[in-house]
């Protein structure tokens, strides 16, 4: 999941519950440029809470993505999130890489609520210990993902005629995209908040280290369902109304309070994550919050986040330093509309085949 970069580029494929997005990058000096970008909607309920329900529909959407001839490589990096993925920072006695490789499965069993045989495990030392304050321990970031979930995701990619070579975690892909576009401020505590259709990925980073991650099982679909229920609309009309688009017999003034009430519910969940982080961190400050994902553009969401957490909030620009020429790429209007929500796909495209 983490690993060192090797030269072989991959397509970053973000398989979301409302759309699949793909990005291919090429090195350009010290940064990168986009050589291909596409987005395809997937039918509602094809993916529910991160679980692929209709593999054929998802594979078909991925196949349509790659009909765009600009994509040069067959190798794909994808990512997972949700309750089938566990990310935990654990403290272990200082040991060598070889000793850690030998003992990690025994250590992991204490922290993972699944049978150890049912998961794939990866890890990275994030604090090597050795200092006087370390008391002979070191910090290790432990990641476990259910083999069944990995097989579902790699299966639909293979079904679409592509080769899955890297499986990452949404929160870490987000961090990759952040570092490539914004650099690393060793002093800053930054919250990356990616609000998709069915989940919100939260990654709190200090300098270049991820110090806390969590996935909240709420997202844009919860807003649509609230509008649907409150205003007695079909799902498609509620989806339009949520975005401020005209719907017969409904004004946005009626929709706005429903959206704001749902944002309060979402913020309660985000607050739990931030409170937990603050309770376990040496500092309780947050220097900036970057928002990505389609649901983060819901009316009043950014303002509510800023007010709740008292920190500057800005939209995450996944192409701030990565060059993107939409006209030259001949992007469809749908693809252009999906660009602000491409942070996870960009982070995945920065990975390399052969990464651990």
Protein backbone atom coordinates (compact mmCIF):
# COMPACT_ATOMS: atom_id res chain seq x y z
CA UNK A 1 0.00 0.00 0.00
CA UNK A 2 2.76 2.46 0.77
CA UNK A 3 6.03 1.43 -0.85
CA UNK A 4 8.71 3.07 -2.95
CA UNK A 5 8.07 4.49 -6.38
CA UNK A 6 9.33 2.64 -9.42
CA UNK A 7 9.13 4.14 -12.92
CA UNK A 8 6.09 2.22 -14.22
CA UNK A 9 3.11 4.61 -14.24
CA UNK A 10 -0.44 3.51 -13.41
CA UNK A 11 -3.93 4.89 -13.99
CA UNK A 12 -5.46 6.17 -10.74
CA UNK A 13 -8.99 4.74 -10.58
CA UNK A 14 -11.36 6.07 -7.91
CA UNK A 15 -14.32 3.67 -7.72
CA UNK A 16 -16.96 5.74 -5.93
CA UNK A 17 -20.56 4.90 -5.16
CA UNK A 18 -21.96 7.42 -7.66
CA UNK A 19 -19.18 7.55 -10.29
CA UNK A 20 -15.84 6.12 -11.32
CA UNK A 21 -13.03 8.56 -12.11
CA UNK A 22 -9.70 7.81 -13.78
CA UNK A 23 -6.53 9.92 -14.08
CA UNK A 24 -3.24 9.18 -15.83
CA UNK A 25 -0.23 11.40 -15.15
CA UNK A 26 3.13 11.94 -16.78
CA UNK A 27 6.21 13.44 -15.13
CA UNK A 28 6.81 17.06 -16.20
CA UNK A 29 9.92 18.54 -14.59
CA UNK A 30 9.50 18.48 -10.83
CA UNK A 31 5.77 17.89 -11.03
CA UNK A 32 3.29 16.07 -13.30
CA UNK A 33 0.81 16.76 -16.07
CA UNK A 34 -2.50 15.03 -16.79
CA UNK A 35 -2.44 13.03 -20.01
CA UNK A 36 -5.88 11.46 -19.56
CA UNK A 37 -8.92 12.10 -17.36
CA UNK A 38 -12.44 10.65 -17.50
CA UNK A 39 -15.49 10.18 -15.29
CA UNK A 40 -18.46 7.85 -15.70
CA UNK A 41 -21.61 7.64 -13.59
CA UNK A 42 -22.58 4.26 -12.18
CA UNK A 43 -26.20 3.22 -11.57
CA UNK A 44 -27.59 3.94 -8.07
CA UNK A 45 -27.09 1.14 -5.52
CA UNK A 46 -24.35 -0.57 -7.59
CA UNK A 47 -22.07 0.12 -4.62
CA UNK A 48 -23.58 0.41 -1.13
CA UNK A 49 -21.46 1.37 1.91
CA UNK A 50 -18.33 0.53 -0.06
CA UNK A 51 -19.55 -2.98 -0.98
CA UNK A 52 -19.89 -3.76 -4.70
CA UNK A 53 -23.45 -5.06 -5.18
CA UNK A 54 -23.65 -5.02 -8.99
CA UNK A 55 -20.17 -5.93 -10.26
CA UNK A 56 -21.29 -6.04 -13.90
CA UNK A 57 -22.57 -2.43 -13.77
CA UNK A 58 -19.36 -1.19 -12.13
CA UNK A 59 -17.13 -3.09 -14.58
CA UNK A 60 -19.18 -1.67 -17.46
CA UNK A 61 -18.63 1.91 -16.20
CA UNK A 62 -14.87 1.24 -15.89
CA UNK A 63 -14.82 -0.20 -19.41
CA UNK A 64 -16.53 2.96 -20.74
CA UNK A 65 -13.91 5.10 -18.95
CA UNK A 66 -11.10 3.38 -20.79
CA UNK A 67 -12.75 3.75 -24.17
CA UNK A 68 -11.17 7.21 -24.01
CA UNK A 69 -8.14 6.53 -26.18
CA UNK A 70 -5.91 8.94 -24.24
CA UNK A 71 -5.26 6.29 -21.55
CA UNK A 72 -1.92 4.66 -22.34
CA UNK A 73 -1.46 2.03 -19.65
CA UNK A 74 -3.48 -1.04 -18.63
CA UNK A 75 -2.14 -1.05 -15.05
CA UNK A 76 -4.50 0.43 -12.46
CA UNK A 77 -4.19 1.64 -8.85
CA UNK A 78 -7.47 1.59 -6.90
CA UNK A 79 -8.38 2.23 -3.27
CA UNK A 80 -10.73 1.13 -0.51
CA UNK A 81 -12.40 2.81 2.45
CA UNK A 82 -15.13 2.06 4.97
CA UNK A 83 -15.63 -0.63 7.57
CA UNK A 84 -13.70 -3.33 5.66
CA UNK A 85 -10.50 -1.29 6.16
CA UNK A 86 -8.77 -0.72 9.50
CA UNK A 87 -6.07 1.95 9.85
CA UNK A 88 -4.46 2.15 13.26
CA UNK A 89 -1.28 3.67 14.66
CA UNK A 90 0.19 1.22 17.17
CA UNK A 91 3.14 1.46 19.53
CA UNK A 92 5.62 -1.44 19.57
CA UNK A 93 9.00 -2.10 21.20
CA UNK A 94 11.85 -0.83 19.00
CA UNK A 95 12.91 -3.62 16.62
CA UNK A 96 14.55 -4.11 13.24
CA UNK A 97 12.60 -4.24 9.96
CA UNK A 98 13.19 -8.00 9.82
CA UNK A 99 11.89 -8.53 13.37
CA UNK A 100 8.85 -6.38 12.63
CA UNK A 101 8.07 -8.33 9.44
CA UNK A 102 8.18 -11.52 11.51
CA UNK A 103 6.01 -10.31 14.39
CA UNK A 104 3.53 -7.93 12.72
CA UNK A 105 0.81 -10.59 12.25
CA UNK A 106 0.93 -11.53 15.94
CA UNK A 107 0.80 -7.85 16.93
CA UNK A 108 -1.98 -7.08 14.45
CA UNK A 109 -4.28 -9.74 15.89
CA UNK A 110 -4.77 -7.62 19.03
CA UNK A 111 -6.00 -4.61 17.04
CA UNK A 112 -8.05 -6.08 14.19
CA UNK A 113 -11.67 -7.14 14.81
CA UNK A 114 -11.58 -9.65 11.92
CA UNK A 115 -10.02 -13.10 11.63
CA UNK A 116 -6.37 -12.47 10.69
CA UNK A 117 -6.72 -15.09 7.90
CA UNK A 118 -9.42 -12.97 6.26
CA UNK A 119 -7.35 -9.78 5.84
CA UNK A 120 -4.31 -8.50 3.98
CA UNK A 121 -1.99 -6.50 6.21
CA UNK A 122 0.47 -3.73 5.43
CA UNK A 123 2.44 -1.47 7.74
CA UNK A 124 4.94 1.35 7.85
CA UNK A 125 7.17 2.64 10.64
CA UNK A 126 6.19 6.29 11.19
CA UNK A 127 8.15 7.01 14.36
CA UNK A 128 11.40 5.09 14.67
CA UNK A 129 11.78 5.60 18.43
CA UNK A 130 15.26 5.87 19.85
CA UNK A 131 14.81 9.33 21.41
CA UNK A 132 14.82 9.79 25.20
CA UNK A 133 11.06 10.42 25.17
CA UNK A 134 10.27 7.27 23.13
CA UNK A 135 10.78 4.93 26.14
CA UNK A 136 12.05 2.19 23.84
CA UNK A 137 8.96 2.12 21.61
CA UNK A 138 8.28 3.01 17.99
CA UNK A 139 5.08 3.99 16.15
CA UNK A 140 3.85 1.78 13.33
CA UNK A 141 0.95 2.57 10.99
CA UNK A 142 -0.98 -0.68 10.57
CA UNK A 143 -3.43 -1.14 7.70
CA UNK A 144 -5.66 -4.18 7.25
CA UNK A 145 -8.22 -4.75 4.51
CA UNK A 146 -10.59 -7.68 4.06
CA UNK A 147 -9.37 -10.01 1.33
CA UNK A 148 -12.96 -10.40 0.11
CA UNK A 149 -13.29 -6.62 -0.41
CA UNK A 150 -9.94 -6.44 -2.23
CA UNK A 151 -11.05 -9.33 -4.47
CA UNK A 152 -14.34 -7.54 -5.29
CA UNK A 153 -12.54 -4.37 -6.38
CA UNK A 154 -9.71 -6.06 -8.29
CA UNK A 155 -12.33 -8.37 -9.84
CA UNK A 156 -14.36 -5.57 -11.47
CA UNK A 157 -11.15 -3.95 -12.74
CA UNK A 158 -10.06 -7.24 -14.33
CA UNK A 159 -13.58 -7.75 -15.71
CA UNK A 160 -13.21 -4.37 -17.43
CA UNK A 161 -10.02 -5.57 -19.12
CA UNK A 162 -7.50 -3.74 -16.91
CA UNK A 163 -4.75 -4.99 -14.61
CA UNK A 164 -5.03 -4.03 -10.90
CA UNK A 165 -1.46 -3.62 -9.54
CA UNK A 166 -1.91 -1.43 -6.42
CA UNK A 167 -4.69 -1.31 -3.82
CA UNK A 168 -4.42 1.71 -1.52
CA UNK A 169 -6.65 3.40 1.08
CA UNK A 170 -8.73 6.48 0.11
CA UNK A 171 -7.36 8.56 3.00
CA UNK A 172 -3.73 7.90 1.97
CA UNK A 173 -4.43 8.56 -1.72
CA UNK A 174 -5.87 11.89 -0.61
CA UNK A 175 -2.66 12.64 1.30
CA UNK A 176 -0.53 11.77 -1.78
CA UNK A 177 -2.52 14.28 -3.85
CA UNK A 178 -2.22 16.89 -1.09
CA UNK A 179 1.57 16.60 -0.82
CA UNK A 180 2.02 16.74 -4.61
CA UNK A 181 -0.08 19.90 -4.89
CA UNK A 182 0.52 21.75 -1.63
CA UNK A 183 3.90 20.46 -0.42
CA UNK A 184 4.57 19.63 3.25
CA UNK A 185 4.58 22.18 6.05
CA UNK A 186 6.36 20.41 8.94
CA UNK A 187 4.67 22.69 11.49
CA UNK A 188 1.08 22.50 10.22
CA UNK A 189 -1.83 20.28 11.28
CA UNK A 190 -4.09 19.85 8.25
CA UNK A 191 -7.44 18.08 7.98
CA UNK A 192 -8.18 16.50 4.60
CA UNK A 193 -11.90 15.91 4.34
CA UNK A 194 -13.20 14.07 1.28
CA UNK A 195 -17.01 13.99 1.16
CA UNK A 196 -18.27 11.52 -1.44
CA UNK A 197 -21.72 10.15 -2.20
CA UNK A 198 -21.80 7.50 0.54
CA UNK A 199 -18.83 8.22 2.83
CA UNK A 200 -16.56 10.93 4.17
CA UNK A 201 -12.85 10.12 4.42
CA UNK A 202 -11.02 12.12 7.09
CA UNK A 203 -7.21 12.22 7.27
CA UNK A 204 -5.56 14.46 9.85
CA UNK A 205 -1.92 15.05 9.00
CA UNK A 206 0.88 16.71 10.92
CA UNK A 207 3.81 17.59 8.68
CA UNK A 208 4.12 14.57 6.40
CA UNK A 209 2.63 12.08 8.87
CA UNK A 210 -0.95 10.88 8.94
CA UNK A 211 -1.81 11.00 12.64
CA UNK A 212 -5.49 10.02 12.51
CA UNK A 213 -7.86 8.66 9.86
CA UNK A 214 -11.52 7.70 9.91
CA UNK A 215 -14.28 7.02 7.40
CA UNK A 216 -17.78 8.28 8.22
CA UNK A 217 -20.61 6.35 6.55
CA UNK A 218 -22.55 9.44 5.46
CA UNK A 219 -22.27 11.50 2.31
CA UNK A 220 -24.09 13.14 -0.57
CA UNK A 221 -26.70 10.38 -0.84
CA UNK A 222 -27.88 11.15 2.71
CA UNK A 223 -28.61 14.73 1.59
CA UNK A 224 -30.51 13.52 -1.46
CA UNK A 225 -32.56 11.07 0.62
CA UNK A 226 -33.42 13.81 3.14
CA UNK A 227 -34.64 16.10 0.33
CA UNK A 228 -36.55 13.18 -1.22
CA UNK A 229 -38.31 12.43 2.07
CA UNK A 230 -38.99 16.00 3.22
CA UNK A 231 -40.26 17.31 -0.12
CA UNK A 232 -41.79 14.05 -1.37
CA UNK A 233 -39.73 13.88 -4.56
CA UNK A 234 -38.38 11.00 -6.66
CA UNK A 235 -34.65 10.32 -6.04
CA UNK A 236 -33.52 11.85 -9.37
CA UNK A 237 -35.50 15.06 -8.78
CA UNK A 238 -34.19 15.28 -5.21
CA UNK A 239 -30.63 14.92 -6.56
CA UNK A 240 -31.26 17.83 -8.96
CA UNK A 241 -32.89 19.97 -6.28
CA UNK A 242 -29.99 19.33 -3.89
CA UNK A 243 -27.60 20.82 -6.47
CA UNK A 244 -29.78 23.94 -6.87
CA UNK A 245 -31.02 22.88 -10.30
CA UNK A 246 -34.66 23.68 -11.19
CA UNK A 247 -37.27 21.07 -10.27
CA UNK A 248 -40.97 21.59 -10.99
CA UNK A 249 -42.90 22.85 -7.98
CA UNK A 250 -39.86 23.13 -5.69
CA UNK A 251 -37.83 26.24 -4.93
CA UNK A 252 -34.28 26.10 -3.57
CA UNK A 253 -35.55 28.09 -0.55
CA UNK A 254 -37.46 24.93 0.44
CA UNK A 255 -34.44 22.69 -0.15
CA UNK A 256 -31.84 24.76 1.72
CA UNK A 257 -33.10 24.12 5.31
CA UNK A 258 -33.17 20.35 4.64
CA UNK A 259 -29.54 20.46 3.45
CA UNK A 260 -28.43 22.56 6.42
CA UNK A 261 -30.13 20.20 8.90
CA UNK A 262 -28.33 17.23 7.33
CA UNK A 263 -25.02 19.12 7.48
CA UNK A 264 -25.51 19.42 11.25
CA UNK A 265 -25.82 15.61 11.47
CA UNK A 266 -22.70 15.15 9.33
CA UNK A 267 -20.74 17.67 11.44
CA UNK A 268 -21.57 15.74 14.61
CA UNK A 269 -19.80 12.70 13.12
CA UNK A 270 -16.82 14.78 11.95
CA UNK A 271 -16.68 16.40 15.41
CA UNK A 272 -16.30 12.95 17.03
CA UNK A 273 -13.26 12.29 14.85
CA UNK A 274 -11.67 15.65 15.62
CA UNK A 275 -12.38 15.27 19.37
CA UNK A 276 -10.80 11.83 19.38
CA UNK A 277 -7.73 13.19 17.58
CA UNK A 278 -7.41 16.12 20.00
CA UNK A 279 -7.70 13.80 23.02
CA UNK A 280 -4.83 11.64 21.78
CA UNK A 281 -2.59 14.34 20.25
CA UNK A 282 0.00 16.54 21.92
CA UNK A 283 -1.59 19.63 20.34
CA UNK A 284 -5.28 20.34 19.80
CA UNK A 285 -4.91 22.97 17.10
CA UNK A 286 -5.99 22.66 13.46
CA UNK A 287 -4.30 25.03 10.99
CA UNK A 288 -6.36 24.43 7.85
CA UNK A 289 -9.09 22.19 6.46
CA UNK A 290 -9.17 21.16 2.80
CA UNK A 291 -12.48 19.93 1.38
CA UNK A 292 -12.85 17.61 -1.59
CA UNK A 293 -15.55 15.34 -3.01
CA UNK A 294 -18.92 16.22 -4.52
CA UNK A 295 -20.82 16.44 -1.22
CA UNK A 296 -18.41 19.10 0.08
CA UNK A 297 -19.97 21.50 -2.45
CA UNK A 298 -23.42 21.20 -0.83
CA UNK A 299 -24.92 24.60 -0.02
CA UNK A 300 -23.52 25.96 3.26
CA UNK A 301 -21.24 22.96 3.96
CA UNK A 302 -17.88 24.76 3.84
CA UNK A 303 -19.16 27.66 5.94
CA UNK A 304 -20.58 25.28 8.55
CA UNK A 305 -17.26 23.37 8.78
CA UNK A 306 -15.31 26.63 9.22
CA UNK A 307 -17.67 27.83 11.94
CA UNK A 308 -17.67 24.51 13.80
CA UNK A 309 -13.89 23.99 13.85
CA UNK A 310 -12.65 27.58 13.87
CA UNK A 311 -10.06 26.94 11.15
CA UNK A 312 -9.62 28.27 7.61
CA UNK A 313 -11.49 26.07 5.11
CA UNK A 314 -10.68 25.90 1.41
CA UNK A 315 -11.56 23.65 -1.53
CA UNK A 316 -8.89 21.03 -2.27
CA UNK A 317 -7.53 21.69 -5.78
CA UNK A 318 -6.16 18.36 -7.08
CA UNK A 319 -4.63 20.24 -10.04
CA UNK A 320 -3.03 23.15 -8.16
CA UNK A 321 0.49 22.14 -9.24
CA UNK A 322 -0.34 19.24 -11.57
CA UNK A 323 -0.86 20.68 -15.05
CA UNK A 324 -4.26 20.05 -16.63
CA UNK A 325 -5.26 21.37 -20.05
CA UNK A 326 -8.98 20.51 -20.28
CA UNK A 327 -9.33 21.84 -23.84
CA UNK A 328 -6.37 19.81 -25.14
CA UNK A 329 -7.66 16.67 -23.44
CA UNK A 330 -11.08 17.17 -25.06
CA UNK A 331 -12.93 16.54 -21.80
CA UNK A 332 -16.68 16.03 -21.81
CA UNK A 333 -18.80 18.47 -19.72
CA UNK A 334 -19.38 15.58 -17.26
CA UNK A 335 -15.65 15.01 -16.89
CA UNK A 336 -14.98 18.74 -16.39
CA UNK A 337 -17.67 18.85 -13.70
CA UNK A 338 -15.99 15.90 -11.94
CA UNK A 339 -12.51 17.49 -11.87
CA UNK A 340 -12.79 19.13 -8.42
CA UNK A 341 -13.72 15.70 -6.99
CA UNK A 342 -10.68 13.97 -8.50
CA UNK A 343 -8.34 14.18 -5.48
CA UNK A 344 -8.38 10.43 -4.68
CA UNK A 345 -7.88 9.49 -8.36
CA UNK A 346 -4.92 11.92 -8.62
CA UNK A 347 -3.38 10.50 -5.44
CA UNK A 348 -3.69 6.99 -6.86
CA UNK A 349 -2.16 8.04 -10.20
CA UNK A 350 0.94 9.17 -8.27
CA UNK A 351 1.52 5.55 -7.19
CA UNK A 352 3.70 3.21 -9.25
CA UNK A 353 3.40 -0.41 -10.31
CA UNK A 354 5.56 -2.43 -7.95
CA UNK A 355 4.66 -0.30 -4.90
CA UNK A 356 4.30 -2.39 -1.80
